[in-house]
Structure formats: C-alpha cells, structure tokens
Protein backbone atom coordinates (compact mmCIF):
# COMPACT_ATOMS: atom_id res chain seq x y z
CA ASN A 1 6.47 -1.55 23.12
CA GLY A 2 6.44 -0.96 19.33
CA TYR A 3 2.78 -1.29 18.95
CA SER A 4 -0.14 1.13 18.99
CA ASP A 5 -3.71 0.96 20.31
CA PRO A 6 -5.41 2.86 17.57
CA PHE A 7 -8.94 4.11 17.23
CA VAL A 8 -10.72 6.44 14.85
CA LYS A 9 -12.84 9.44 15.47
CA LEU A 10 -15.38 10.76 12.91
CA TRP A 11 -16.76 14.27 13.24
CA LEU A 12 -19.36 15.73 10.77
CA LYS A 13 -18.92 19.63 10.72
CA PRO A 14 -20.14 22.22 11.16
CA ASP A 15 -20.88 20.62 14.51
CA MET A 16 -24.41 19.19 15.12
CA GLY A 17 -23.70 18.41 18.87
CA LYS A 18 -23.03 14.95 20.21
CA LYS A 19 -24.79 13.36 17.16
CA ALA A 20 -21.91 14.68 15.02
CA LYS A 21 -19.28 12.49 16.60
CA HIS A 22 -18.53 8.82 16.47
CA LYS A 23 -15.61 6.71 17.70
CA THR A 24 -14.56 3.22 16.79
CA GLN A 25 -13.46 0.57 19.30
CA ILE A 26 -9.75 0.54 20.26
CA LYS A 27 -7.68 -2.08 18.43
CA LYS A 28 -5.15 -3.28 20.98
CA LYS A 29 -1.43 -3.68 20.28
CA THR A 30 -1.32 -3.52 16.50
CA LEU A 31 0.32 -1.51 13.63
CA ASN A 32 -2.16 -2.78 11.16
CA PRO A 33 -5.66 -2.33 12.46
CA GLU A 34 -8.77 -3.02 10.53
CA PHE A 35 -11.90 -1.02 11.49
CA ASN A 36 -14.95 -2.76 10.00
CA GLU A 37 -17.45 -0.54 11.64
CA GLU A 38 -20.27 1.52 10.10
CA PHE A 39 -21.77 4.82 11.47
CA PHE A 40 -24.73 6.70 10.28
CA TYR A 41 -25.58 10.29 10.42
CA ASP A 42 -29.24 11.37 10.42
CA ILE A 43 -29.12 14.41 7.98
CA LYS A 44 -31.00 15.62 4.93
CA HIS A 45 -29.14 14.82 1.75
CA SER A 46 -29.56 18.52 0.69
CA ASP A 47 -27.70 19.59 3.94
CA LEU A 48 -24.74 17.19 3.27
CA ALA A 49 -23.18 19.41 0.65
CA LYS A 50 -22.62 22.04 3.35
CA LYS A 51 -20.88 19.57 5.64
CA SER A 52 -17.37 18.02 5.93
CA LEU A 53 -16.35 14.80 7.57
CA ASP A 54 -13.20 14.83 9.78
CA ILE A 55 -11.56 11.57 10.08
CA SER A 56 -8.71 11.23 12.61
CA VAL A 57 -6.77 8.16 13.85
CA TRP A 58 -5.50 8.20 17.42
CA ASP A 59 -3.21 6.07 19.65
CA TYR A 60 -5.05 5.34 22.87
CA ASP A 61 -2.86 5.91 26.04
CA ILE A 62 -3.99 5.10 29.48
CA GLY A 63 -3.46 7.89 32.08
CA LYS A 64 -2.24 10.40 29.60
CA SER A 65 -3.62 12.22 26.47
CA ASN A 66 -3.92 10.12 23.31
CA ASP A 67 -1.41 10.67 20.48
CA TYR A 68 -2.69 11.96 17.12
CA ILE A 69 -1.41 9.57 14.46
CA GLY A 70 -3.08 11.23 11.27
CA GLY A 71 -6.23 12.05 9.49
CA CYS A 72 -8.15 13.34 6.51
CA GLN A 73 -11.14 15.44 5.70
CA LEU A 74 -13.87 14.64 3.12
CA GLY A 75 -15.98 17.64 2.01
CA ILE A 76 -16.29 20.58 -0.18
CA SER A 77 -13.07 22.12 1.09
CA ALA A 78 -11.09 18.84 0.34
CA LYS A 79 -8.76 18.51 -2.61
CA GLY A 80 -8.00 15.86 -5.14
CA GLU A 81 -9.28 12.35 -4.45
CA ARG A 82 -10.80 13.34 -1.20
CA LEU A 83 -12.89 16.01 -2.91
CA LYS A 84 -13.89 13.46 -5.76
CA HIS A 85 -14.94 10.92 -3.07
CA TRP A 86 -17.15 13.52 -1.45
CA TYR A 87 -18.82 14.54 -4.83
CA GLU A 88 -19.34 10.91 -5.64
CA CYS A 89 -21.14 10.33 -2.23
CA LEU A 90 -23.30 13.29 -2.89
CA LYS A 91 -24.25 12.13 -6.39
CA ASN A 92 -25.01 8.54 -5.32
CA LYS A 93 -27.54 8.93 -2.53
CA ASP A 94 -28.12 5.82 -0.38
CA LYS A 95 -25.15 3.98 -2.09
CA LYS A 96 -22.01 2.92 -0.17
CA ILE A 97 -18.93 4.48 -1.73
CA GLU A 98 -15.60 3.11 -0.39
CA ARG A 99 -12.15 4.57 -1.07
CA TRP A 100 -8.75 4.44 0.57
CA HIS A 101 -7.23 7.74 1.59
CA GLN A 102 -3.69 8.50 2.93
CA LEU A 103 -3.64 9.98 6.37
CA GLN A 104 -2.09 13.45 6.68
CA ASN A 105 -0.19 14.50 9.71
CA GLU A 106 -1.23 18.12 9.57
CA ASN A 107 -1.54 20.19 12.77
CA HIS A 108 -4.62 18.79 14.46
CA VAL A 109 -6.83 20.64 17.02
CA SER A 110 -7.87 18.10 19.63
CA SER A 111 -11.64 17.46 19.74
C-alpha cells in the first residue's frame, strides 16, 4: 500500500538476557515515523564501555516475518560519528546525548 508499519528494536550486547532488549510501539501506515520513547538499562557505567547498542528498524507484517529496514550500532567497534557519539555518552554520565544517525542496510542477523 506504499506505507510501512515500522518499529525499532534496541539490543545491548554482549547479551544480558531479556533485560538487554527493548522494542518500541509500532507506528501504523507511515513513511515518516517519530519514536519519542525512552528506554533504560540497569548497568554499571564502568561496564558500559565493553558493550555496544544495536539499533534496528523493522516493518511489521501480520502473518509473516517482519522486514528489516536498516539499523546502526553504537559502541567501541563503531566508526565515525557513531563512535564519537558512544564516547560522548561514556564521558557524560547521567546526561542525555542525542544524535541523528543514518541507517545502514547491512546484512542483519534476525534477533
């Protein structure tokens, strides 16, 4: 129908079990979704440097598998602006650091 039903998955890796994953609400029939949701991870700041945050955007499909739209990863193995963003978050404990990142359509392993 020309529209998407997108949602976002967040995954803090290496895996910490179910507490490591969050998912936004599905935004129905839109090509320009806005996700104004916040998620929190209960983790020691000193452990955060060893983690990475996978962000993936999906198109929800009823009755079949969801389609991967794109994503990005923040963490020590990231590059460019994504790595700068991660370092800024590590330096500024308890401060909200917001940035825009372009989605990559790299091969994605479904989670």
